[in-house]
Protein backbone atom coordinates (compact mmCIF):
# COMPACT_ATOMS: atom_id res chain seq x y z
CA UNK A 1 -89.73 65.16 99.79
CA UNK A 2 -91.34 67.92 101.80
CA UNK A 3 -89.29 69.29 104.66
CA UNK A 4 -90.80 70.66 107.87
CA UNK A 5 -89.76 74.23 107.01
CA UNK A 6 -92.01 74.52 103.95
CA UNK A 7 -94.91 76.93 104.40
CA UNK A 8 -93.48 78.43 107.59
CA UNK A 9 -92.10 81.86 108.48
CA UNK A 10 -89.26 82.53 110.90
CA UNK A 11 -87.46 85.53 112.34
CA UNK A 12 -83.68 85.31 112.22
CA UNK A 13 -81.76 87.71 114.46
CA UNK A 14 -77.96 87.64 114.38
CA UNK A 15 -77.50 91.04 116.01
CA UNK A 16 -76.22 93.02 113.03
CA UNK A 17 -78.93 91.60 110.76
CA UNK A 18 -82.58 90.69 111.35
CA UNK A 19 -84.64 89.01 108.62
CA UNK A 20 -87.87 87.18 108.04
CA UNK A 21 -87.44 83.82 106.32
CA UNK A 22 -90.46 82.38 104.48
CA UNK A 23 -89.95 78.86 103.16
CA UNK A 24 -92.33 79.14 100.24
CA UNK A 25 -91.70 75.65 98.78
CA UNK A 26 -89.24 72.80 99.31
CA UNK A 27 -86.85 74.63 96.97
CA UNK A 28 -87.58 78.35 97.40
CA UNK A 29 -87.39 80.81 100.26
CA UNK A 30 -88.24 84.50 100.44
CA UNK A 31 -86.11 86.54 102.79
CA UNK A 32 -87.11 90.04 103.86
CA UNK A 33 -84.65 92.29 105.66
CA UNK A 34 -86.17 93.83 108.78
CA UNK A 35 -82.94 95.47 110.02
CA UNK A 36 -80.00 95.46 107.61
CA UNK A 37 -77.36 96.77 110.00
CA UNK A 38 -75.51 98.43 107.13
CA UNK A 39 -75.09 95.11 105.30
CA UNK A 40 -78.22 95.63 103.20
CA UNK A 41 -81.24 97.92 103.00
CA UNK A 42 -84.15 97.56 105.41
CA UNK A 43 -87.18 96.16 103.61
CA UNK A 44 -85.18 94.43 100.85
CA UNK A 45 -86.85 91.18 99.81
CA UNK A 46 -85.77 88.44 97.43
CA UNK A 47 -86.94 84.96 96.46
CA UNK A 48 -84.04 82.51 96.25
CA UNK A 49 -83.65 78.90 95.19
CA UNK A 50 -82.52 76.89 98.20
CA UNK A 51 -80.83 73.61 98.91
CA UNK A 52 -82.09 72.20 102.21
CA UNK A 53 -80.54 69.22 103.99
CA UNK A 54 -82.00 67.85 107.19
CA UNK A 55 -79.10 67.07 109.52
CA UNK A 56 -81.35 65.60 112.20
CA UNK A 57 -84.96 66.32 113.20
CA UNK A 58 -85.42 70.11 113.50
CA UNK A 59 -81.85 70.90 112.36
CA UNK A 60 -81.31 71.97 108.74
CA UNK A 61 -78.51 73.21 106.55
CA UNK A 62 -79.96 75.77 104.12
CA UNK A 63 -77.90 77.30 101.30
CA UNK A 64 -78.59 79.75 98.48
CA UNK A 65 -77.11 82.29 96.08
CA UNK A 66 -78.60 85.78 95.82
CA UNK A 67 -79.03 87.95 92.70
CA UNK A 68 -76.11 90.08 93.89
CA UNK A 69 -73.85 87.03 93.80
CA UNK A 70 -73.73 86.72 97.60
CA UNK A 71 -73.78 83.14 98.89
CA UNK A 72 -75.32 82.17 102.22
CA UNK A 73 -75.30 78.96 104.25
CA UNK A 74 -77.26 78.52 107.46
CA UNK A 75 -77.33 75.77 110.02
CA UNK A 76 -80.75 76.26 111.60
CA UNK A 77 -81.41 74.48 114.89
CA UNK A 78 -85.14 74.92 115.31
CA UNK A 79 -85.25 72.71 118.40
CA UNK A 80 -83.02 75.13 120.32
CA UNK A 81 -83.78 78.33 118.37
CA UNK A 82 -80.15 78.83 117.28
CA UNK A 83 -78.90 79.82 113.83
CA UNK A 84 -75.37 79.83 112.43
CA UNK A 85 -75.06 81.92 109.27
CA UNK A 86 -72.11 82.23 106.90
CA UNK A 87 -72.27 84.72 104.04
CA UNK A 88 -69.81 85.67 101.33
CA UNK A 89 -70.60 88.99 99.64
CA UNK A 90 -69.73 89.82 96.01
CA UNK A 91 -66.76 91.94 97.16
CA UNK A 92 -65.27 88.88 98.90
CA UNK A 93 -66.22 89.93 102.43
CA UNK A 94 -67.01 86.92 104.60
CA UNK A 95 -69.34 87.04 107.61
CA UNK A 96 -69.82 84.37 110.26
CA UNK A 97 -72.80 85.08 112.49
CA UNK A 98 -74.67 83.31 115.28
CA UNK A 99 -78.07 84.24 116.65
CA UNK A 100 -81.63 83.13 117.09
CA UNK A 101 -84.28 81.70 114.77
CA UNK A 102 -87.87 81.54 115.96
CA UNK A 103 -91.24 80.89 114.35
CA UNK A 104 -93.09 84.05 113.34
CA UNK A 105 -96.31 84.13 115.27
CA UNK A 106 -99.39 85.31 113.36
């Protein structure tokens, strides 16, 4: 079933990290780091297999595992433009972040 994220691009800004999220298909997303804030390199891009669950209209839980072994789970509230992001890095570091998620305007 197609979700409403598919085919759309968003800017996620959690202060220390700013990325572009492109929901390529129902099961894949490409993230591109705009500002890595020391967590990762600016400009880094990766296509990841996602699991997307719609919690309610315009609110999604999105989870994936990166090539590095990092795992990420977002709760994306597109109605209110709020994102909650949890990431566990390969070294065991755990980050809980809150910020904004907004459609990328062409």
